[in-house]
Amino acid sequence: MIIIMAVVIICLSASFYVVDVRHQAVITQFGKPVRTVTEPGLCVKTPFIQEVRYFDKRLLEWSGEPSDILTRDKENIGVGTWARWKIAESLKFYTSLGTEDRGMRVLDEVIESAVKKRGQCVYVKGSSQEYQPEARIYDKRTGRGRGY
């Protein structure tokens, strides 16, 4: 009787999970995504078959390594890069990247290469010239990039 009670308690505890107000979840079954949960609360899953992967809903911060860029005046200036990003669609994020750490590594690659590709910048501290950074945003609705 005690063994049966222990098995029931273990199965019940493995059937429930809590989604915090700051998180969203992707439910996977044998490694494949089955559904997403964006609302906070107590939820039910199939025990031992389904797993819960949590992703943050809040704005996440990324900071790049400081680097030096050569200006047109042939002077080195230090450049610090940073970004704030958010996981808007947890299912797409999970299927394409898998984890928030992988998302950070992709940002490392994309932003650092954009800064290096930019090459020479035109702003030198104390000069009257002003550097206007170029940002490209991918619009998933139209499938095109927009420059600002």
Foldseek 3Di string as FASTA:
>chain_A
DVVVVVVVVVQVVQFKDWADQQKKKFKDFPRHTDDIGNDTDMDTDGGPGIDIDIDGQDWDKAWEDWDWAQAPVRDTDIDIDMDIDGDPDVNVCCVPQNDVVSVNVVCRVVVVVVVVVVHHFHDDPPDPDDGDDWDWDQDPVVRDIDID
